[in-house]
Amino acid sequence: MKTKRAAGVLAVFVTAAMLPLMAASPASADQGSCQYYLHERGYKVGPKIESACRTGSDPANPGSWIQCYWDLTGIGVRSEDAAGACNAA
């Protein structure tokens, strides 16, 4: 009986520990995808690209894609590369 109870308690703790991982926002991954996209195309990823990708991955901002695009093209990223990166974000 104690073994069943211990297993039940363990299952509850494992579930509670996994819940934040399953419900986490994918925003950071999207920002990383944007940066990786540009890195793979030969751009040096620095603070300006990081900022533009962060802007592009903000789901609360309805103009996030266009802001990301303008930020990237404003620092010299080619138009088609900026569009692809912002799509990844």
PDB file of N, CA and C in Angstrom:
ATOM      1  N   MET A   1       0.817  -1.192   0.000  1.00  0.00           N
ATOM      2  CA  MET A   1       0.000   0.000   0.000  1.00  0.00           C
ATOM      3  C   MET A   1       0.867   1.266   0.000  1.00  0.00           C
ATOM      4  N   LYS A   2       1.931   1.261   0.798  1.00  0.00           N
ATOM      5  CA  LYS A   2       2.806   2.421   0.838  1.00  0.00           C
ATOM      6  C   LYS A   2       3.509   2.625  -0.497  1.00  0.00           C
ATOM      7  N   THR A   3       3.804   1.553  -1.199  1.00  0.00           N
ATOM      8  CA  THR A   3       4.464   1.652  -2.498  1.00  0.00           C
ATOM      9  C   THR A   3       3.548   2.349  -3.499  1.00  0.00           C
ATOM     10  N   LYS A   4       2.261   2.003  -3.498  1.00  0.00           N
ATOM     11  CA  LYS A   4       1.312   2.642  -4.412  1.00  0.00           C
ATOM     12  C   LYS A   4       1.188   4.128  -4.107  1.00  0.00           C
ATOM     13  N   ARG A   5       1.126   4.449  -2.830  1.00  0.00           N
ATOM     14  CA  ARG A   5       1.005   5.859  -2.430  1.00  0.00           C
ATOM     15  C   ARG A   5       2.260   6.634  -2.834  1.00  0.00           C
ATOM     16  N   ALA A   6       3.433   6.040  -2.609  1.00  0.00           N
ATOM     17  CA  ALA A   6       4.690   6.696  -2.986  1.00  0.00           C
ATOM     18  C   ALA A   6       4.749   6.888  -4.502  1.00  0.00           C
ATOM     19  N   ALA A   7       4.304   5.906  -5.254  1.00  0.00           N
ATOM     20  CA  ALA A   7       4.296   6.027  -6.713  1.00  0.00           C
ATOM     21  C   ALA A   7       3.338   7.128  -7.154  1.00  0.00           C
ATOM     22  N   GLY A   8       2.192   7.230  -6.492  1.00  0.00           N
ATOM     23  CA  GLY A   8       1.222   8.277  -6.813  1.00  0.00           C
ATOM     24  C   GLY A   8       1.772   9.662  -6.523  1.00  0.00           C
ATOM     25  N   VAL A   9       2.431   9.806  -5.389  1.00  0.00           N
ATOM     26  CA  VAL A   9       3.032  11.091  -5.029  1.00  0.00           C
ATOM     27  C   VAL A   9       4.138  11.444  -6.018  1.00  0.00           C
ATOM     28  N   LEU A  10       4.938  10.472  -6.382  1.00  0.00           N
ATOM     29  CA  LEU A  10       6.004  10.700  -7.356  1.00  0.00           C
ATOM     30  C   LEU A  10       5.426  11.126  -8.708  1.00  0.00           C
ATOM     31  N   ALA A  11       4.344  10.494  -9.128  1.00  0.00           N
ATOM     32  CA  ALA A  11       3.711  10.855 -10.403  1.00  0.00           C
ATOM     33  C   ALA A  11       3.196  12.288 -10.373  1.00  0.00           C
ATOM     34  N   VAL A  12       2.641  12.698  -9.255  1.00  0.00           N
ATOM     35  CA  VAL A  12       2.152  14.074  -9.125  1.00  0.00           C
ATOM     36  C   VAL A  12       3.308  15.063  -9.219  1.00  0.00           C
ATOM     37  N   PHE A  13       4.423  14.772  -8.556  1.00  0.00           N
ATOM     38  CA  PHE A  13       5.574  15.672  -8.595  1.00  0.00           C
ATOM     39  C   PHE A  13       6.185  15.751  -9.994  1.00  0.00           C
ATOM     40  N   VAL A  14       6.264  14.613 -10.673  1.00  0.00           N
ATOM     41  CA  VAL A  14       6.818  14.604 -12.032  1.00  0.00           C
ATOM     42  C   VAL A  14       5.911  15.407 -12.959  1.00  0.00           C
ATOM     43  N   THR A  15       4.609  15.213 -12.829  1.00  0.00           N
ATOM     44  CA  THR A  15       3.664  15.970 -13.659  1.00  0.00           C
ATOM     45  C   THR A  15       3.772  17.462 -13.377  1.00  0.00           C
ATOM     46  N   ALA A  16       3.853  17.823 -12.110  1.00  0.00           N
ATOM     47  CA  ALA A  16       3.970  19.236 -11.747  1.00  0.00           C
ATOM     48  C   ALA A  16       5.277  19.840 -12.277  1.00  0.00           C
ATOM     49  N   ALA A  17       6.328  19.055 -12.301  1.00  0.00           N
ATOM     50  CA  ALA A  17       7.613  19.556 -12.800  1.00  0.00           C
ATOM     51  C   ALA A  17       7.601  19.702 -14.319  1.00  0.00           C
ATOM     52  N   MET A  18       6.878  18.857 -15.018  1.00  0.00           N
ATOM     53  CA  MET A  18       6.850  18.887 -16.478  1.00  0.00           C
ATOM     54  C   MET A  18       5.882  19.927 -17.030  1.00  0.00           C
ATOM     55  N   LEU A  19       4.874  20.315 -16.274  1.00  0.00           N
ATOM     56  CA  LEU A  19       3.851  21.238 -16.769  1.00  0.00           C
ATOM     57  C   LEU A  19       4.414  22.559 -17.280  1.00  0.00           C
ATOM     58  N   PRO A  20       5.317  23.232 -16.568  1.00  0.00           N
ATOM     59  CA  PRO A  20       5.863  24.480 -17.115  1.00  0.00           C
ATOM     60  C   PRO A  20       6.630  24.283 -18.418  1.00  0.00           C
ATOM     61  N   LEU A  21       7.258  23.140 -18.580  1.00  0.00           N
ATOM     62  CA  LEU A  21       7.999  22.875 -19.806  1.00  0.00           C
ATOM     63  C   LEU A  21       7.054  22.684 -20.986  1.00  0.00           C
ATOM     64  N   MET A  22       5.914  22.057 -20.739  1.00  0.00           N
ATOM     65  CA  MET A  22       4.960  21.822 -21.817  1.00  0.00           C
ATOM     66  C   MET A  22       4.179  23.082 -22.163  1.00  0.00           C
ATOM     67  N   ALA A  23       3.986  23.969 -21.189  1.00  0.00           N
ATOM     68  CA  ALA A  23       3.192  25.173 -21.411  1.00  0.00           C
ATOM     69  C   ALA A  23       4.036  26.404 -21.707  1.00  0.00           C
ATOM     70  N   ALA A  24       5.329  26.241 -21.817  1.00  0.00           N
ATOM     71  CA  ALA A  24       6.214  27.388 -22.034  1.00  0.00           C
ATOM     72  C   ALA A  24       5.945  28.034 -23.386  1.00  0.00           C
ATOM     73  N   SER A  25       6.104  29.324 -23.434  1.00  0.00           N
ATOM     74  CA  SER A  25       5.918  30.066 -24.672  1.00  0.00           C
ATOM     75  C   SER A  25       7.049  29.759 -25.642  1.00  0.00           C
ATOM     76  N   PRO A  26       6.716  29.593 -26.925  1.00  0.00           N
ATOM     77  CA  PRO A  26       7.766  29.306 -27.889  1.00  0.00           C
ATOM     78  C   PRO A  26       8.504  30.550 -28.378  1.00  0.00           C
ATOM     79  N   ALA A  27       8.272  31.724 -27.818  1.00  0.00           N
ATOM     80  CA  ALA A  27       8.842  32.956 -28.301  1.00  0.00           C
ATOM     81  C   ALA A  27      10.338  32.919 -28.367  1.00  0.00           C
ATOM     82  N   SER A  28      10.997  32.366 -27.312  1.00  0.00           N
ATOM     83  CA  SER A  28      12.445  32.347 -27.342  1.00  0.00           C
ATOM     84  C   SER A  28      12.976  31.458 -28.458  1.00  0.00           C
ATOM     85  N   ALA A  29      12.303  30.379 -28.748  1.00  0.00           N
ATOM     86  CA  ALA A  29      12.717  29.531 -29.844  1.00  0.00           C
ATOM     87  C   ALA A  29      12.561  30.233 -31.169  1.00  0.00           C
ATOM     88  N   ASP A  30      11.470  30.987 -31.307  1.00  0.00           N
ATOM     89  CA  ASP A  30      11.260  31.731 -32.537  1.00  0.00           C
ATOM     90  C   ASP A  30      12.327  32.805 -32.716  1.00  0.00           C
ATOM     91  N   GLN A  31      12.667  33.480 -31.643  1.00  0.00           N
ATOM     92  CA  GLN A  31      13.724  34.487 -31.712  1.00  0.00           C
ATOM     93  C   GLN A  31      15.027  33.815 -32.112  1.00  0.00           C
ATOM     94  N   GLY A  32      15.284  32.673 -31.563  1.00  0.00           N
ATOM     95  CA  GLY A  32      16.484  31.928 -31.906  1.00  0.00           C
ATOM     96  C   GLY A  32      16.466  31.458 -33.354  1.00  0.00           C
ATOM     97  N   SER A  33      15.299  31.088 -33.842  1.00  0.00           N
ATOM     98  CA  SER A  33      15.174  30.665 -35.238  1.00  0.00           C
ATOM     99  C   SER A  33      15.492  31.812 -36.173  1.00  0.00           C
ATOM    100  N   CYS A  34      15.042  32.984 -35.829  1.00  0.00           N
ATOM    101  CA  CYS A  34      15.323  34.187 -36.612  1.00  0.00           C
ATOM    102  C   CYS A  34      16.829  34.448 -36.655  1.00  0.00           C
ATOM    103  N   GLN A  35      17.454  34.399 -35.505  1.00  0.00           N
ATOM    104  CA  GLN A  35      18.894  34.641 -35.432  1.00  0.00           C
ATOM    105  C   GLN A  35      19.670  33.555 -36.176  1.00  0.00           C
ATOM    106  N   TYR A  36      19.259  32.324 -36.021  1.00  0.00           N
ATOM    107  CA  TYR A  36      19.942  31.215 -36.690  1.00  0.00           C
ATOM    108  C   TYR A  36      19.804  31.337 -38.207  1.00  0.00           C
ATOM    109  N   TYR A  37      18.614  31.731 -38.662  1.00  0.00           N
ATOM    110  CA  TYR A  37      18.376  31.933 -40.089  1.00  0.00           C
ATOM    111  C   TYR A  37      19.400  32.912 -40.656  1.00  0.00           C
ATOM    112  N   LEU A  38      19.600  34.020 -39.962  1.00  0.00           N
ATOM    113  CA  LEU A  38      20.552  35.024 -40.437  1.00  0.00           C
ATOM    114  C   LEU A  38      21.994  34.547 -40.307  1.00  0.00           C
ATOM    115  N   HIS A  39      22.287  33.851 -39.235  1.00  0.00           N
ATOM    116  CA  HIS A  39      23.634  33.299 -39.041  1.00  0.00           C
ATOM    117  C   HIS A  39      23.995  32.355 -40.189  1.00  0.00           C
ATOM    118  N   GLU A  40      23.047  31.513 -40.571  1.00  0.00           N
ATOM    119  CA  GLU A  40      23.280  30.560 -41.655  1.00  0.00           C
ATOM    120  C   GLU A  40      23.484  31.256 -43.006  1.00  0.00           C
ATOM    121  N   ARG A  41      23.028  32.483 -43.129  1.00  0.00           N
ATOM    122  CA  ARG A  41      23.206  33.239 -44.369  1.00  0.00           C
ATOM    123  C   ARG A  41      24.417  34.161 -44.322  1.00  0.00           C
ATOM    124  N   GLY A  42      25.226  34.004 -43.278  1.00  0.00           N
ATOM    125  CA  GLY A  42      26.499  34.695 -43.219  1.00  0.00           C
ATOM    126  C   GLY A  42      26.517  36.005 -42.456  1.00  0.00           C
ATOM    127  N   TYR A  43      25.440  36.351 -41.780  1.00  0.00           N
ATOM    128  CA  TYR A  43      25.408  37.593 -41.007  1.00  0.00           C
ATOM    129  C   TYR A  43      25.985  37.349 -39.617  1.00  0.00           C
ATOM    130  N   LYS A  44      26.669  38.344 -39.103  1.00  0.00           N
ATOM    131  CA  LYS A  44      27.177  38.276 -37.738  1.00  0.00           C
ATOM    132  C   LYS A  44      26.037  38.700 -36.812  1.00  0.00           C
ATOM    133  N   VAL A  45      25.626  37.799 -35.955  1.00  0.00           N
ATOM    134  CA  VAL A  45      24.508  38.077 -35.050  1.00  0.00           C
ATOM    135  C   VAL A  45      25.024  38.851 -33.853  1.00  0.00           C
ATOM    136  N   GLY A  46      24.569  40.075 -33.734  1.00  0.00           N
ATOM    137  CA  GLY A  46      24.948  40.949 -32.625  1.00  0.00           C
ATOM    138  C   GLY A  46      23.705  41.557 -32.000  1.00  0.00           C
ATOM    139  N   PRO A  47      23.882  42.585 -31.193  1.00  0.00           N
ATOM    140  CA  PRO A  47      22.758  43.178 -30.465  1.00  0.00           C
ATOM    141  C   PRO A  47      21.638  43.714 -31.358  1.00  0.00           C
ATOM    142  N   LYS A  48      21.975  44.263 -32.521  1.00  0.00           N
ATOM    143  CA  LYS A  48      20.934  44.825 -33.385  1.00  0.00           C
ATOM    144  C   LYS A  48      20.076  43.730 -34.006  1.00  0.00           C
ATOM    145  N   ILE A  49      20.693  42.653 -34.429  1.00  0.00           N
ATOM    146  CA  ILE A  49      19.925  41.527 -34.969  1.00  0.00           C
ATOM    147  C   ILE A  49      19.118  40.869 -33.862  1.00  0.00           C
ATOM    148  N   GLU A  50      19.717  40.717 -32.698  1.00  0.00           N
ATOM    149  CA  GLU A  50      18.997  40.132 -31.568  1.00  0.00           C
ATOM    150  C   GLU A  50      17.761  40.956 -31.231  1.00  0.00           C
ATOM    151  N   SER A  51      17.905  42.262 -31.228  1.00  0.00           N
ATOM    152  CA  SER A  51      16.778  43.149 -30.923  1.00  0.00           C
ATOM    153  C   SER A  51      15.688  43.040 -31.979  1.00  0.00           C
ATOM    154  N   ALA A  52      16.073  43.029 -33.252  1.00  0.00           N
ATOM    155  CA  ALA A  52      15.084  42.924 -34.326  1.00  0.00           C
ATOM    156  C   ALA A  52      14.350  41.595 -34.254  1.00  0.00           C
ATOM    157  N   CYS A  53      15.066  40.511 -33.986  1.00  0.00           N
ATOM    158  CA  CYS A  53      14.433  39.199 -33.879  1.00  0.00           C
ATOM    159  C   CYS A  53      13.522  39.120 -32.660  1.00  0.00           C
ATOM    160  N   ARG A  54      13.921  39.763 -31.571  1.00  0.00           N
ATOM    161  CA  ARG A  54      13.081  39.799 -30.379  1.00  0.00           C
ATOM    162  C   ARG A  54      11.782  40.540 -30.695  1.00  0.00           C
ATOM    163  N   THR A  55      11.902  41.651 -31.415  1.00  0.00           N
ATOM    164  CA  THR A  55      10.723  42.409 -31.818  1.00  0.00           C
ATOM    165  C   THR A  55       9.825  41.555 -32.707  1.00  0.00           C
ATOM    166  N   GLY A  56      10.426  40.840 -33.639  1.00  0.00           N
ATOM    167  CA  GLY A  56       9.657  40.014 -34.557  1.00  0.00           C
ATOM    168  C   GLY A  56       8.964  38.844 -33.914  1.00  0.00           C
ATOM    169  N   SER A  57       9.442  38.416 -32.773  1.00  0.00           N
ATOM    170  CA  SER A  57       8.837  37.267 -32.102  1.00  0.00           C
ATOM    171  C   SER A  57       7.831  37.661 -31.020  1.00  0.00           C
ATOM    172  N   ASP A  58       7.484  38.939 -30.942  1.00  0.00           N
ATOM    173  CA  ASP A  58       6.552  39.415 -29.919  1.00  0.00           C
ATOM    174  C   ASP A  58       5.110  39.224 -30.393  1.00  0.00           C
ATOM    175  N   PRO A  59       4.392  38.222 -29.856  1.00  0.00           N
ATOM    176  CA  PRO A  59       3.027  37.969 -30.316  1.00  0.00           C
ATOM    177  C   PRO A  59       2.030  39.057 -29.889  1.00  0.00           C
ATOM    178  N   ALA A  60       2.393  39.859 -28.917  1.00  0.00           N
ATOM    179  CA  ALA A  60       1.492  40.907 -28.440  1.00  0.00           C
ATOM    180  C   ALA A  60       1.535  42.149 -29.328  1.00  0.00           C
ATOM    181  N   ASN A  61       2.518  42.228 -30.211  1.00  0.00           N
ATOM    182  CA  ASN A  61       2.690  43.395 -31.070  1.00  0.00           C
ATOM    183  C   ASN A  61       2.157  43.072 -32.468  1.00  0.00           C
ATOM    184  N   PRO A  62       1.044  43.690 -32.897  1.00  0.00           N
ATOM    185  CA  PRO A  62       0.492  43.376 -34.215  1.00  0.00           C
ATOM    186  C   PRO A  62       1.399  43.790 -35.373  1.00  0.00           C
ATOM    187  N   GLY A  63       2.300  44.719 -35.149  1.00  0.00           N
ATOM    188  CA  GLY A  63       3.215  45.161 -36.200  1.00  0.00           C
ATOM    189  C   GLY A  63       4.589  44.568 -36.056  1.00  0.00           C
ATOM    190  N   SER A  64       4.699  43.442 -35.370  1.00  0.00           N
ATOM    191  CA  SER A  64       6.017  42.885 -35.064  1.00  0.00           C
ATOM    192  C   SER A  64       6.788  42.473 -36.318  1.00  0.00           C
ATOM    193  N   TRP A  65       6.111  41.913 -37.308  1.00  0.00           N
ATOM    194  CA  TRP A  65       6.819  41.462 -38.504  1.00  0.00           C
ATOM    195  C   TRP A  65       7.441  42.641 -39.244  1.00  0.00           C
ATOM    196  N   ILE A  66       6.646  43.668 -39.470  1.00  0.00           N
ATOM    197  CA  ILE A  66       7.154  44.808 -40.236  1.00  0.00           C
ATOM    198  C   ILE A  66       8.242  45.552 -39.475  1.00  0.00           C
ATOM    199  N   GLN A  67       8.112  45.632 -38.149  1.00  0.00           N
ATOM    200  CA  GLN A  67       9.169  46.260 -37.351  1.00  0.00           C
ATOM    201  C   GLN A  67      10.455  45.451 -37.436  1.00  0.00           C
ATOM    202  N   CYS A  68      10.331  44.140 -37.350  1.00  0.00           N
ATOM    203  CA  CYS A  68      11.493  43.257 -37.488  1.00  0.00           C
ATOM    204  C   CYS A  68      12.151  43.479 -38.849  1.00  0.00           C
ATOM    205  N   TYR A  69      11.335  43.501 -39.891  1.00  0.00           N
ATOM    206  CA  TYR A  69      11.827  43.672 -41.255  1.00  0.00           C
ATOM    207  C   TYR A  69      12.559  45.001 -41.418  1.00  0.00           C
ATOM    208  N   TRP A  70      11.953  46.087 -40.970  1.00  0.00           N
ATOM    209  CA  TRP A  70      12.580  47.411 -41.117  1.00  0.00           C
ATOM    210  C   TRP A  70      13.852  47.522 -40.280  1.00  0.00           C
ATOM    211  N   ASP A  71      13.829  46.938 -39.092  1.00  0.00           N
ATOM    212  CA  ASP A  71      15.041  46.965 -38.259  1.00  0.00           C
ATOM    213  C   ASP A  71      16.192  46.229 -38.950  1.00  0.00           C
ATOM    214  N   LEU A  72      15.885  45.088 -39.534  1.00  0.00           N
ATOM    215  CA  LEU A  72      16.939  44.301 -40.182  1.00  0.00           C
ATOM    216  C   LEU A  72      17.433  44.966 -41.462  1.00  0.00           C
ATOM    217  N   THR A  73      16.515  45.433 -42.297  1.00  0.00           N
ATOM    218  CA  THR A  73      16.966  46.079 -43.538  1.00  0.00           C
ATOM    219  C   THR A  73      17.684  47.385 -43.232  1.00  0.00           C
ATOM    220  N   GLY A  74      17.333  48.013 -42.128  1.00  0.00           N
ATOM    221  CA  GLY A  74      17.985  49.256 -41.730  1.00  0.00           C
ATOM    222  C   GLY A  74      19.444  49.075 -41.329  1.00  0.00           C
ATOM    223  N   ILE A  75      19.825  47.861 -40.969  1.00  0.00           N
ATOM    224  CA  ILE A  75      21.226  47.611 -40.605  1.00  0.00           C
ATOM    225  C   ILE A  75      21.971  46.865 -41.712  1.00  0.00           C
ATOM    226  N   GLY A  76      21.347  46.769 -42.884  1.00  0.00           N
ATOM    227  CA  GLY A  76      22.049  46.218 -44.025  1.00  0.00           C
ATOM    228  C   GLY A  76      21.741  44.778 -44.384  1.00  0.00           C
ATOM    229  N   VAL A  77      20.754  44.181 -43.743  1.00  0.00           N
ATOM    230  CA  VAL A  77      20.364  42.817 -44.105  1.00  0.00           C
ATOM    231  C   VAL A  77      19.576  42.895 -45.414  1.00  0.00           C
ATOM    232  N   ARG A  78      19.909  42.014 -46.353  1.00  0.00           N
ATOM    233  CA  ARG A  78      19.203  42.009 -47.635  1.00  0.00           C
ATOM    234  C   ARG A  78      17.714  41.756 -47.424  1.00  0.00           C
ATOM    235  N   SER A  79      16.895  42.330 -48.275  1.00  0.00           N
ATOM    236  CA  SER A  79      15.447  42.279 -48.149  1.00  0.00           C
ATOM    237  C   SER A  79      14.913  40.846 -48.022  1.00  0.00           C
ATOM    238  N   GLU A  80      15.366  39.958 -48.891  1.00  0.00           N
ATOM    239  CA  GLU A  80      14.851  38.586 -48.856  1.00  0.00           C
ATOM    240  C   GLU A  80      15.319  37.846 -47.592  1.00  0.00           C
ATOM    241  N   ASP A  81      16.507  38.156 -47.110  1.00  0.00           N
ATOM    242  CA  ASP A  81      16.983  37.549 -45.870  1.00  0.00           C
ATOM    243  C   ASP A  81      16.219  38.076 -44.665  1.00  0.00           C
ATOM    244  N   ALA A  82      15.925  39.370 -44.674  1.00  0.00           N
ATOM    245  CA  ALA A  82      15.149  39.967 -43.582  1.00  0.00           C
ATOM    246  C   ALA A  82      13.747  39.369 -43.549  1.00  0.00           C
ATOM    247  N   ALA A  83      13.128  39.210 -44.700  1.00  0.00           N
ATOM    248  CA  ALA A  83      11.787  38.634 -44.759  1.00  0.00           C
ATOM    249  C   ALA A  83      11.792  37.199 -44.215  1.00  0.00           C
ATOM    250  N   GLY A  84      12.766  36.410 -44.623  1.00  0.00           N
ATOM    251  CA  GLY A  84      12.856  35.033 -44.142  1.00  0.00           C
ATOM    252  C   GLY A  84      13.093  34.955 -42.640  1.00  0.00           C
ATOM    253  N   ALA A  85      13.939  35.828 -42.134  1.00  0.00           N
ATOM    254  CA  ALA A  85      14.231  35.835 -40.695  1.00  0.00           C
ATOM    255  C   ALA A  85      12.997  36.243 -39.902  1.00  0.00           C
ATOM    256  N   CYS A  86      12.306  37.266 -40.373  1.00  0.00           N
ATOM    257  CA  CYS A  86      11.109  37.715 -39.652  1.00  0.00           C
ATOM    258  C   CYS A  86       9.987  36.694 -39.743  1.00  0.00           C
ATOM    259  N   ASN A  87       9.926  35.952 -40.835  1.00  0.00           N
ATOM    260  CA  ASN A  87       8.966  34.843 -40.923  1.00  0.00           C
ATOM    261  C   ASN A  87       9.311  33.759 -39.910  1.00  0.00           C
ATOM    262  N   ALA A  88      10.585  33.512 -39.707  1.00  0.00           N
ATOM    263  CA  ALA A  88      11.018  32.514 -38.721  1.00  0.00           C
ATOM    264  C   ALA A  88      10.680  32.976 -37.309  1.00  0.00           C
ATOM    265  N   ALA A  89      10.711  34.289 -37.091  1.00  0.00           N
ATOM    266  CA  ALA A  89      10.372  34.822 -35.763  1.00  0.00           C
ATOM    267  C   ALA A  89       8.887  34.754 -35.569  1.00  0.00           C
TER     268      ALA A  89
END
